[in-house]
Amino acid sequence: MSEPISPNDAVKNALGLTDVVAQPLERVPVRQRENQSTTSAWRLEIACQEGRGGIVLVELTRQTSCFRGDGIFLGWSQERLAEAYRMLTALSADDSHFELLQLG
């Protein structure tokens, strides 16, 4: 019987990143060329042996969103950024000190 795969091993196998440390999601301001106003997006900051980087989830409409990568994620396709964002937010959510604010 094989050993269970740790979340970091799963990230390494799927994304090619090792010793990943994901910070909690952060709300950040973004501007789009098509819009005159500033909106908000979710940014996920990552540190790993390959370097540092971030993935920003920009919700364009209720049905449409896109991802922007920087640092080690620069140049990744939308599909690969989406997969990395899903995996790494799950890794961050598994962290015992991850907490979303409950306002209202």
PDB file of N, CA and C in Angstrom:
ATOM      1  N   MET A   1       0.844  -1.172   0.000  1.00  0.00           N
ATOM      2  CA  MET A   1       0.000   0.000   0.000  1.00  0.00           C
ATOM      3  C   MET A   1       0.895   1.244   0.000  1.00  0.00           C
ATOM      4  N   SER A   2       0.563   2.234  -0.857  1.00  0.00           N
ATOM      5  CA  SER A   2       1.396   3.435  -0.935  1.00  0.00           C
ATOM      6  C   SER A   2       1.009   4.435   0.146  1.00  0.00           C
ATOM      7  N   GLU A   3       1.980   5.332   0.454  1.00  0.00           N
ATOM      8  CA  GLU A   3       1.746   6.356   1.465  1.00  0.00           C
ATOM      9  C   GLU A   3       0.835   7.437   0.897  1.00  0.00           C
ATOM     10  N   PRO A   4       0.044   8.089   1.762  1.00  0.00           N
ATOM     11  CA  PRO A   4      -0.783   9.190   1.262  1.00  0.00           C
ATOM     12  C   PRO A   4       0.083  10.339   0.766  1.00  0.00           C
ATOM     13  N   ILE A   5      -0.409  11.036  -0.225  1.00  0.00           N
ATOM     14  CA  ILE A   5       0.323  12.167  -0.788  1.00  0.00           C
ATOM     15  C   ILE A   5      -0.018  13.405   0.027  1.00  0.00           C
ATOM     16  N   SER A   6       1.020  14.106   0.509  1.00  0.00           N
ATOM     17  CA  SER A   6       0.800  15.344   1.267  1.00  0.00           C
ATOM     18  C   SER A   6       0.380  16.446   0.302  1.00  0.00           C
ATOM     19  N   PRO A   7      -0.263  17.504   0.819  1.00  0.00           N
ATOM     20  CA  PRO A   7      -0.654  18.606  -0.063  1.00  0.00           C
ATOM     21  C   PRO A   7       0.527  19.193  -0.829  1.00  0.00           C
ATOM     22  N   ASN A   8       1.684  19.337  -0.183  1.00  0.00           N
ATOM     23  CA  ASN A   8       2.851  19.874  -0.878  1.00  0.00           C
ATOM     24  C   ASN A   8       3.323  18.946  -1.989  1.00  0.00           C
ATOM     25  N   ASP A   9       3.261  17.614  -1.760  1.00  0.00           N
ATOM     26  CA  ASP A   9       3.636  16.664  -2.804  1.00  0.00           C
ATOM     27  C   ASP A   9       2.673  16.751  -3.979  1.00  0.00           C
ATOM     28  N   ALA A  10       1.391  16.926  -3.687  1.00  0.00           N
ATOM     29  CA  ALA A  10       0.399  17.046  -4.751  1.00  0.00           C
ATOM     30  C   ALA A  10       0.665  18.286  -5.595  1.00  0.00           C
ATOM     31  N   VAL A  11       1.021  19.404  -4.945  1.00  0.00           N
ATOM     32  CA  VAL A  11       1.333  20.635  -5.666  1.00  0.00           C
ATOM     33  C   VAL A  11       2.576  20.424  -6.518  1.00  0.00           C
ATOM     34  N   LYS A  12       3.591  19.774  -5.959  1.00  0.00           N
ATOM     35  CA  LYS A  12       4.817  19.517  -6.714  1.00  0.00           C
ATOM     36  C   LYS A  12       4.513  18.677  -7.942  1.00  0.00           C
ATOM     37  N   ASN A  13       3.703  17.627  -7.777  1.00  0.00           N
ATOM     38  CA  ASN A  13       3.380  16.749  -8.899  1.00  0.00           C
ATOM     39  C   ASN A  13       2.560  17.472  -9.966  1.00  0.00           C
ATOM     40  N   ALA A  14       1.617  18.310  -9.560  1.00  0.00           N
ATOM     41  CA  ALA A  14       0.731  18.965 -10.511  1.00  0.00           C
ATOM     42  C   ALA A  14       1.330  20.235 -11.118  1.00  0.00           C
ATOM     43  N   LEU A  15       2.060  21.001 -10.338  1.00  0.00           N
ATOM     44  CA  LEU A  15       2.519  22.311 -10.783  1.00  0.00           C
ATOM     45  C   LEU A  15       4.025  22.431 -10.949  1.00  0.00           C
ATOM     46  N   GLY A  16       4.773  21.480 -10.429  1.00  0.00           N
ATOM     47  CA  GLY A  16       6.222  21.553 -10.512  1.00  0.00           C
ATOM     48  C   GLY A  16       6.848  22.481  -9.486  1.00  0.00           C
ATOM     49  N   LEU A  17       6.130  22.785  -8.402  1.00  0.00           N
ATOM     50  CA  LEU A  17       6.637  23.654  -7.349  1.00  0.00           C
ATOM     51  C   LEU A  17       6.971  22.830  -6.116  1.00  0.00           C
ATOM     52  N   THR A  18       8.028  23.207  -5.391  1.00  0.00           N
ATOM     53  CA  THR A  18       8.422  22.460  -4.202  1.00  0.00           C
ATOM     54  C   THR A  18       8.428  23.365  -2.976  1.00  0.00           C
ATOM     55  N   ASP A  19       8.133  22.768  -1.822  1.00  0.00           N
ATOM     56  CA  ASP A  19       8.103  23.471  -0.534  1.00  0.00           C
ATOM     57  C   ASP A  19       7.259  24.748  -0.600  1.00  0.00           C
ATOM     58  N   VAL A  20       6.021  24.584  -1.024  1.00  0.00           N
ATOM     59  CA  VAL A  20       5.118  25.712  -1.226  1.00  0.00           C
ATOM     60  C   VAL A  20       4.574  26.227   0.103  1.00  0.00           C
ATOM     61  N   VAL A  21       4.621  27.549   0.270  1.00  0.00           N
ATOM     62  CA  VAL A  21       3.996  28.219   1.405  1.00  0.00           C
ATOM     63  C   VAL A  21       3.019  29.235   0.816  1.00  0.00           C
ATOM     64  N   ALA A  22       1.731  29.007   1.040  1.00  0.00           N
ATOM     65  CA  ALA A  22       0.695  29.900   0.518  1.00  0.00           C
ATOM     66  C   ALA A  22       0.201  30.810   1.634  1.00  0.00           C
ATOM     67  N   GLN A  23       0.188  32.092   1.368  1.00  0.00           N
ATOM     68  CA  GLN A  23      -0.334  33.069   2.323  1.00  0.00           C
ATOM     69  C   GLN A  23      -1.862  33.102   2.212  1.00  0.00           C
ATOM     70  N   PRO A  24      -2.546  33.571   3.246  1.00  0.00           N
ATOM     71  CA  PRO A  24      -4.006  33.713   3.147  1.00  0.00           C
ATOM     72  C   PRO A  24      -4.383  34.678   2.015  1.00  0.00           C
ATOM     73  N   LEU A  25      -5.544  34.463   1.438  1.00  0.00           N
ATOM     74  CA  LEU A  25      -6.027  35.345   0.380  1.00  0.00           C
ATOM     75  C   LEU A  25      -6.107  36.787   0.883  1.00  0.00           C
ATOM     76  N   GLU A  26      -5.808  37.702  -0.017  1.00  0.00           N
ATOM     77  CA  GLU A  26      -5.847  39.121   0.316  1.00  0.00           C
ATOM     78  C   GLU A  26      -6.670  39.848  -0.750  1.00  0.00           C
ATOM     79  N   ARG A  27      -7.529  40.754  -0.329  1.00  0.00           N
ATOM     80  CA  ARG A  27      -8.320  41.556  -1.262  1.00  0.00           C
ATOM     81  C   ARG A  27      -7.460  42.734  -1.701  1.00  0.00           C
ATOM     82  N   VAL A  28      -7.319  42.930  -3.027  1.00  0.00           N
ATOM     83  CA  VAL A  28      -6.465  43.988  -3.561  1.00  0.00           C
ATOM     84  C   VAL A  28      -7.220  44.803  -4.613  1.00  0.00           C
ATOM     85  N   PRO A  29      -6.866  46.083  -4.777  1.00  0.00           N
ATOM     86  CA  PRO A  29      -7.493  46.893  -5.827  1.00  0.00           C
ATOM     87  C   PRO A  29      -6.888  46.583  -7.193  1.00  0.00           C
ATOM     88  N   VAL A  30      -7.721  46.581  -8.229  1.00  0.00           N
ATOM     89  CA  VAL A  30      -7.253  46.369  -9.603  1.00  0.00           C
ATOM     90  C   VAL A  30      -7.951  47.360 -10.532  1.00  0.00           C
ATOM     91  N   ARG A  31      -7.262  47.668 -11.621  1.00  0.00           N
ATOM     92  CA  ARG A  31      -7.854  48.515 -12.672  1.00  0.00           C
ATOM     93  C   ARG A  31      -7.795  47.748 -13.971  1.00  0.00           C
ATOM     94  N   GLN A  32      -8.821  47.919 -14.772  1.00  0.00           N
ATOM     95  CA  GLN A  32      -8.875  47.278 -16.073  1.00  0.00           C
ATOM     96  C   GLN A  32      -8.890  48.352 -17.147  1.00  0.00           C
ATOM     97  N   ARG A  33      -8.320  48.049 -18.283  1.00  0.00           N
ATOM     98  CA  ARG A  33      -8.262  49.025 -19.370  1.00  0.00           C
ATOM     99  C   ARG A  33      -9.658  49.471 -19.798  1.00  0.00           C
ATOM    100  N   GLU A  34     -10.621  48.529 -19.777  1.00  0.00           N
ATOM    101  CA  GLU A  34     -11.974  48.819 -20.245  1.00  0.00           C
ATOM    102  C   GLU A  34     -12.776  49.665 -19.262  1.00  0.00           C
ATOM    103  N   ASN A  35     -12.332  49.746 -18.022  1.00  0.00           N
ATOM    104  CA  ASN A  35     -13.081  50.400 -16.957  1.00  0.00           C
ATOM    105  C   ASN A  35     -12.361  51.637 -16.455  1.00  0.00           C
ATOM    106  N   GLN A  36     -13.115  52.653 -16.110  1.00  0.00           N
ATOM    107  CA  GLN A  36     -12.538  53.855 -15.524  1.00  0.00           C
ATOM    108  C   GLN A  36     -12.447  53.743 -14.003  1.00  0.00           C
ATOM    109  N   SER A  37     -13.075  52.729 -13.438  1.00  0.00           N
ATOM    110  CA  SER A  37     -13.118  52.608 -11.978  1.00  0.00           C
ATOM    111  C   SER A  37     -12.161  51.523 -11.480  1.00  0.00           C
ATOM    112  N   THR A  38     -11.830  51.620 -10.210  1.00  0.00           N
ATOM    113  CA  THR A  38     -11.007  50.615  -9.548  1.00  0.00           C
ATOM    114  C   THR A  38     -11.931  49.610  -8.883  1.00  0.00           C
ATOM    115  N   THR A  39     -11.653  48.322  -9.069  1.00  0.00           N
ATOM    116  CA  THR A  39     -12.429  47.258  -8.435  1.00  0.00           C
ATOM    117  C   THR A  39     -11.502  46.439  -7.548  1.00  0.00           C
ATOM    118  N   SER A  40     -12.044  45.392  -6.970  1.00  0.00           N
ATOM    119  CA  SER A  40     -11.242  44.531  -6.099  1.00  0.00           C
ATOM    120  C   SER A  40     -11.080  43.147  -6.700  1.00  0.00           C
ATOM    121  N   ALA A  41     -10.029  42.479  -6.289  1.00  0.00           N
ATOM    122  CA  ALA A  41      -9.747  41.114  -6.727  1.00  0.00           C
ATOM    123  C   ALA A  41      -9.114  40.364  -5.565  1.00  0.00           C
ATOM    124  N   TRP A  42      -9.021  39.046  -5.690  1.00  0.00           N
ATOM    125  CA  TRP A  42      -8.371  38.217  -4.670  1.00  0.00           C
ATOM    126  C   TRP A  42      -6.966  37.879  -5.116  1.00  0.00           C
ATOM    127  N   ARG A  43      -5.980  38.123  -4.244  1.00  0.00           N
ATOM    128  CA  ARG A  43      -4.574  37.807  -4.547  1.00  0.00           C
ATOM    129  C   ARG A  43      -4.084  36.708  -3.617  1.00  0.00           C
ATOM    130  N   LEU A  44      -3.425  35.734  -4.208  1.00  0.00           N
ATOM    131  CA  LEU A  44      -2.810  34.638  -3.474  1.00  0.00           C
ATOM    132  C   LEU A  44      -1.300  34.756  -3.638  1.00  0.00           C
ATOM    133  N   GLU A  45      -0.590  34.972  -2.554  1.00  0.00           N
ATOM    134  CA  GLU A  45       0.867  35.117  -2.558  1.00  0.00           C
ATOM    135  C   GLU A  45       1.496  33.771  -2.213  1.00  0.00           C
ATOM    136  N   ILE A  46       2.508  33.377  -2.982  1.00  0.00           N
ATOM    137  CA  ILE A  46       3.154  32.072  -2.837  1.00  0.00           C
ATOM    138  C   ILE A  46       4.662  32.254  -2.727  1.00  0.00           C
ATOM    139  N   ALA A  47       5.269  31.467  -1.846  1.00  0.00           N
ATOM    140  CA  ALA A  47       6.724  31.355  -1.786  1.00  0.00           C
ATOM    141  C   ALA A  47       7.058  29.871  -1.899  1.00  0.00           C
ATOM    142  N   CYS A  48       8.077  29.546  -2.669  1.00  0.00           N
ATOM    143  CA  CYS A  48       8.509  28.150  -2.819  1.00  0.00           C
ATOM    144  C   CYS A  48       9.985  28.156  -3.206  1.00  0.00           C
ATOM    145  N   GLN A  49      10.556  26.974  -3.357  1.00  0.00           N
ATOM    146  CA  GLN A  49      11.986  26.904  -3.705  1.00  0.00           C
ATOM    147  C   GLN A  49      12.277  27.520  -5.064  1.00  0.00           C
ATOM    148  N   GLU A  50      11.295  27.508  -5.953  1.00  0.00           N
ATOM    149  CA  GLU A  50      11.498  28.065  -7.294  1.00  0.00           C
ATOM    150  C   GLU A  50      11.437  29.591  -7.312  1.00  0.00           C
ATOM    151  N   GLY A  51      10.929  30.202  -6.251  1.00  0.00           N
ATOM    152  CA  GLY A  51      10.836  31.658  -6.176  1.00  0.00           C
ATOM    153  C   GLY A  51       9.531  32.106  -5.532  1.00  0.00           C
ATOM    154  N   ARG A  52       9.205  33.368  -5.730  1.00  0.00           N
ATOM    155  CA  ARG A  52       7.976  33.956  -5.179  1.00  0.00           C
ATOM    156  C   ARG A  52       7.093  34.402  -6.332  1.00  0.00           C
ATOM    157  N   GLY A  53       5.805  34.503  -6.049  1.00  0.00           N
ATOM    158  CA  GLY A  53       4.888  34.999  -7.062  1.00  0.00           C
ATOM    159  C   GLY A  53       3.487  35.096  -6.512  1.00  0.00           C
ATOM    160  N   GLY A  54       2.611  35.582  -7.346  1.00  0.00           N
ATOM    161  CA  GLY A  54       1.231  35.728  -6.938  1.00  0.00           C
ATOM    162  C   GLY A  54       0.287  35.436  -8.083  1.00  0.00           C
ATOM    163  N   ILE A  55      -0.922  35.055  -7.707  1.00  0.00           N
ATOM    164  CA  ILE A  55      -1.993  34.856  -8.676  1.00  0.00           C
ATOM    165  C   ILE A  55      -3.161  35.714  -8.211  1.00  0.00           C
ATOM    166  N   VAL A  56      -3.677  36.538  -9.123  1.00  0.00           N
ATOM    167  CA  VAL A  56      -4.803  37.412  -8.817  1.00  0.00           C
ATOM    168  C   VAL A  56      -6.021  36.906  -9.583  1.00  0.00           C
ATOM    169  N   LEU A  57      -7.123  36.701  -8.857  1.00  0.00           N
ATOM    170  CA  LEU A  57      -8.399  36.316  -9.464  1.00  0.00           C
ATOM    171  C   LEU A  57      -9.213  37.580  -9.656  1.00  0.00           C
ATOM    172  N   VAL A  58      -9.478  37.945 -10.911  1.00  0.00           N
ATOM    173  CA  VAL A  58     -10.264  39.131 -11.245  1.00  0.00           C
ATOM    174  C   VAL A  58     -11.622  38.664 -11.735  1.00  0.00           C
ATOM    175  N   GLU A  59     -12.659  39.058 -11.031  1.00  0.00           N
ATOM    176  CA  GLU A  59     -14.028  38.686 -11.424  1.00  0.00           C
ATOM    177  C   GLU A  59     -14.564  39.792 -12.327  1.00  0.00           C
ATOM    178  N   LEU A  60     -14.654  39.489 -13.623  1.00  0.00           N
ATOM    179  CA  LEU A  60     -15.083  40.478 -14.610  1.00  0.00           C
ATOM    180  C   LEU A  60     -16.596  40.688 -14.556  1.00  0.00           C
ATOM    181  N   THR A  61     -17.338  39.597 -14.499  1.00  0.00           N
ATOM    182  CA  THR A  61     -18.788  39.608 -14.312  1.00  0.00           C
ATOM    183  C   THR A  61     -19.107  38.472 -13.359  1.00  0.00           C
ATOM    184  N   ARG A  62     -20.389  38.275 -13.070  1.00  0.00           N
ATOM    185  CA  ARG A  62     -20.759  37.158 -12.186  1.00  0.00           C
ATOM    186  C   ARG A  62     -20.394  35.808 -12.789  1.00  0.00           C
ATOM    187  N   GLN A  63     -20.390  35.723 -14.099  1.00  0.00           N
ATOM    188  CA  GLN A  63     -20.105  34.453 -14.767  1.00  0.00           C
ATOM    189  C   GLN A  63     -18.677  34.351 -15.305  1.00  0.00           C
ATOM    190  N   THR A  64     -17.983  35.455 -15.417  1.00  0.00           N
ATOM    191  CA  THR A  64     -16.676  35.467 -16.072  1.00  0.00           C
ATOM    192  C   THR A  64     -15.591  35.998 -15.137  1.00  0.00           C
ATOM    193  N   SER A  65     -14.486  35.277 -15.103  1.00  0.00           N
ATOM    194  CA  SER A  65     -13.333  35.732 -14.328  1.00  0.00           C
ATOM    195  C   SER A  65     -12.061  35.415 -15.108  1.00  0.00           C
ATOM    196  N   CYS A  66     -10.973  36.060 -14.715  1.00  0.00           N
ATOM    197  CA  CYS A  66      -9.681  35.770 -15.324  1.00  0.00           C
ATOM    198  C   CYS A  66      -8.618  35.812 -14.234  1.00  0.00           C
ATOM    199  N   PHE A  67      -7.471  35.283 -14.557  1.00  0.00           N
ATOM    200  CA  PHE A  67      -6.360  35.217 -13.614  1.00  0.00           C
ATOM    201  C   PHE A  67      -5.181  35.991 -14.169  1.00  0.00           C
ATOM    202  N   ARG A  68      -4.431  36.624 -13.274  1.00  0.00           N
ATOM    203  CA  ARG A  68      -3.194  37.304 -13.634  1.00  0.00           C
ATOM    204  C   ARG A  68      -2.088  36.730 -12.759  1.00  0.00           C
ATOM    205  N   GLY A  69      -0.980  36.386 -13.374  1.00  0.00           N
ATOM    206  CA  GLY A  69       0.143  35.837 -12.634  1.00  0.00           C
ATOM    207  C   GLY A  69       1.328  36.773 -12.643  1.00  0.00           C
ATOM    208  N   ASP A  70       2.079  36.793 -11.545  1.00  0.00           N
ATOM    209  CA  ASP A  70       3.325  37.561 -11.502  1.00  0.00           C
ATOM    210  C   ASP A  70       4.389  36.709 -10.816  1.00  0.00           C
ATOM    211  N   GLY A  71       5.630  37.174 -10.902  1.00  0.00           N
ATOM    212  CA  GLY A  71       6.729  36.394 -10.326  1.00  0.00           C
ATOM    213  C   GLY A  71       6.865  35.059 -11.051  1.00  0.00           C
ATOM    214  N   ILE A  72       6.900  33.975 -10.300  1.00  0.00           N
ATOM    215  CA  ILE A  72       7.079  32.656 -10.917  1.00  0.00           C
ATOM    216  C   ILE A  72       5.888  32.242 -11.773  1.00  0.00           C
ATOM    217  N   PHE A  73       4.752  32.914 -11.630  1.00  0.00           N
ATOM    218  CA  PHE A  73       3.550  32.584 -12.402  1.00  0.00           C
ATOM    219  C   PHE A  73       3.421  33.409 -13.679  1.00  0.00           C
ATOM    220  N   LEU A  74       4.327  34.326 -13.922  1.00  0.00           N
ATOM    221  CA  LEU A  74       4.279  35.173 -15.105  1.00  0.00           C
ATOM    222  C   LEU A  74       4.386  34.308 -16.363  1.00  0.00           C
ATOM    223  N   GLY A  75       3.481  34.506 -17.292  1.00  0.00           N
ATOM    224  CA  GLY A  75       3.497  33.758 -18.545  1.00  0.00           C
ATOM    225  C   GLY A  75       2.715  32.462 -18.521  1.00  0.00           C
ATOM    226  N   TRP A  76       2.156  32.078 -17.369  1.00  0.00           N
ATOM    227  CA  TRP A  76       1.354  30.862 -17.301  1.00  0.00           C
ATOM    228  C   TRP A  76       0.019  31.104 -18.015  1.00  0.00           C
ATOM    229  N   SER A  77      -0.533  30.058 -18.617  1.00  0.00           N
ATOM    230  CA  SER A  77      -1.831  30.157 -19.297  1.00  0.00           C
ATOM    231  C   SER A  77      -2.960  30.334 -18.281  1.00  0.00           C
ATOM    232  N   GLN A  78      -4.111  30.805 -18.749  1.00  0.00           N
ATOM    233  CA  GLN A  78      -5.280  30.959 -17.884  1.00  0.00           C
ATOM    234  C   GLN A  78      -5.675  29.631 -17.232  1.00  0.00           C
ATOM    235  N   GLU A  79      -5.608  28.560 -17.994  1.00  0.00           N
ATOM    236  CA  GLU A  79      -5.974  27.240 -17.467  1.00  0.00           C
ATOM    237  C   GLU A  79      -5.028  26.806 -16.358  1.00  0.00           C
ATOM    238  N   ARG A  80      -3.746  27.015 -16.573  1.00  0.00           N
ATOM    239  CA  ARG A  80      -2.748  26.611 -15.564  1.00  0.00           C
ATOM    240  C   ARG A  80      -2.836  27.497 -14.314  1.00  0.00           C
ATOM    241  N   LEU A  81      -3.074  28.801 -14.507  1.00  0.00           N
ATOM    242  CA  LEU A  81      -3.251  29.699 -13.362  1.00  0.00           C
ATOM    243  C   LEU A  81      -4.492  29.310 -12.564  1.00  0.00           C
ATOM    244  N   ALA A  82      -5.581  28.971 -13.262  1.00  0.00           N
ATOM    245  CA  ALA A  82      -6.819  28.570 -12.576  1.00  0.00           C
ATOM    246  C   ALA A  82      -6.592  27.308 -11.757  1.00  0.00           C
ATOM    247  N   GLU A  83      -5.902  26.325 -12.332  1.00  0.00           N
ATOM    248  CA  GLU A  83      -5.608  25.085 -11.612  1.00  0.00           C
ATOM    249  C   GLU A  83      -4.728  25.354 -10.397  1.00  0.00           C
ATOM    250  N   ALA A  84      -3.690  26.171 -10.567  1.00  0.00           N
ATOM    251  CA  ALA A  84      -2.793  26.498  -9.461  1.00  0.00           C
ATOM    252  C   ALA A  84      -3.543  27.251  -8.368  1.00  0.00           C
ATOM    253  N   TYR A  85      -4.389  28.202  -8.749  1.00  0.00           N
ATOM    254  CA  TYR A  85      -5.156  28.979  -7.775  1.00  0.00           C
ATOM    255  C   TYR A  85      -6.057  28.068  -6.952  1.00  0.00           C
ATOM    256  N   ARG A  86      -6.759  27.155  -7.623  1.00  0.00           N
ATOM    257  CA  ARG A  86      -7.642  26.206  -6.908  1.00  0.00           C
ATOM    258  C   ARG A  86      -6.848  25.335  -5.943  1.00  0.00           C
ATOM    259  N   MET A  87      -5.756  24.776  -6.419  1.00  0.00           N
ATOM    260  CA  MET A  87      -4.950  23.894  -5.568  1.00  0.00           C
ATOM    261  C   MET A  87      -4.338  24.644  -4.392  1.00  0.00           C
ATOM    262  N   LEU A  88      -3.807  25.827  -4.656  1.00  0.00           N
ATOM    263  CA  LEU A  88      -3.093  26.555  -3.620  1.00  0.00           C
ATOM    264  C   LEU A  88      -4.027  27.219  -2.616  1.00  0.00           C
ATOM    265  N   THR A  89      -5.224  27.618  -3.028  1.00  0.00           N
ATOM    266  CA  THR A  89      -6.176  28.131  -2.052  1.00  0.00           C
ATOM    267  C   THR A  89      -6.669  27.007  -1.162  1.00  0.00           C
ATOM    268  N   ALA A  90      -6.796  25.802  -1.711  1.00  0.00           N
ATOM    269  CA  ALA A  90      -7.163  24.645  -0.889  1.00  0.00           C
ATOM    270  C   ALA A  90      -6.046  24.360   0.120  1.00  0.00           C
ATOM    271  N   LEU A  91      -4.790  24.468  -0.312  1.00  0.00           N
ATOM    272  CA  LEU A  91      -3.652  24.266   0.582  1.00  0.00           C
ATOM    273  C   LEU A  91      -3.656  25.319   1.678  1.00  0.00           C
ATOM    274  N   SER A  92      -3.930  26.566   1.315  1.00  0.00           N
ATOM    275  CA  SER A  92      -3.984  27.657   2.287  1.00  0.00           C
ATOM    276  C   SER A  92      -5.158  27.464   3.248  1.00  0.00           C
ATOM    277  N   ALA A  93      -6.295  26.999   2.752  1.00  0.00           N
ATOM    278  CA  ALA A  93      -7.481  26.792   3.601  1.00  0.00           C
ATOM    279  C   ALA A  93      -7.253  25.656   4.589  1.00  0.00           C
ATOM    280  N   ASP A  94      -6.415  24.683   4.239  1.00  0.00           N
ATOM    281  CA  ASP A  94      -6.108  23.584   5.154  1.00  0.00           C
ATOM    282  C   ASP A  94      -5.235  24.033   6.313  1.00  0.00           C
ATOM    283  N   ASP A  95      -4.575  25.183   6.141  1.00  0.00           N
ATOM    284  CA  ASP A  95      -3.706  25.719   7.188  1.00  0.00           C
ATOM    285  C   ASP A  95      -4.561  26.089   8.395  1.00  0.00           C
ATOM    286  N   SER A  96      -4.135  25.733   9.577  1.00  0.00           N
ATOM    287  CA  SER A  96      -4.957  25.900  10.779  1.00  0.00           C
ATOM    288  C   SER A  96      -5.206  27.350  11.139  1.00  0.00           C
ATOM    289  N   HIS A  97      -4.373  28.303  10.697  1.00  0.00           N
ATOM    290  CA  HIS A  97      -4.609  29.682  11.072  1.00  0.00           C
ATOM    291  C   HIS A  97      -5.244  30.510   9.943  1.00  0.00           C
ATOM    292  N   PHE A  98      -5.740  29.836   8.911  1.00  0.00           N
ATOM    293  CA  PHE A  98      -6.480  30.513   7.852  1.00  0.00           C
ATOM    294  C   PHE A  98      -7.887  30.817   8.339  1.00  0.00           C
ATOM    295  N   GLU A  99      -8.304  32.065   8.181  1.00  0.00           N
ATOM    296  CA  GLU A  99      -9.614  32.452   8.699  1.00  0.00           C
ATOM    297  C   GLU A  99     -10.215  33.544   7.818  1.00  0.00           C
ATOM    298  N   LEU A 100     -11.459  33.364   7.395  1.00  0.00           N
ATOM    299  CA  LEU A 100     -12.164  34.405   6.668  1.00  0.00           C
ATOM    300  C   LEU A 100     -12.955  35.235   7.642  1.00  0.00           C
ATOM    301  N   LEU A 101     -12.966  36.541   7.430  1.00  0.00           N
ATOM    302  CA  LEU A 101     -13.726  37.418   8.298  1.00  0.00           C
ATOM    303  C   LEU A 101     -15.224  37.244   8.070  1.00  0.00           C
ATOM    304  N   GLN A 102     -15.985  37.196   9.133  1.00  0.00           N
ATOM    305  CA  GLN A 102     -17.439  37.125   9.069  1.00  0.00           C
ATOM    306  C   GLN A 102     -17.963  38.486   9.503  1.00  0.00           C
ATOM    307  N   LEU A 103     -18.291  39.338   8.565  1.00  0.00           N
ATOM    308  CA  LEU A 103     -18.749  40.680   8.885  1.00  0.00           C
ATOM    309  C   LEU A 103     -20.261  40.766   8.726  1.00  0.00           C
ATOM    310  N   GLY A 104     -20.893  41.504   9.627  1.00  0.00           N
ATOM    311  CA  GLY A 104     -22.319  41.764   9.484  1.00  0.00           C
ATOM    312  C   GLY A 104     -23.210  40.976  10.362  1.00  0.00           C
TER     313      GLY A 104
END
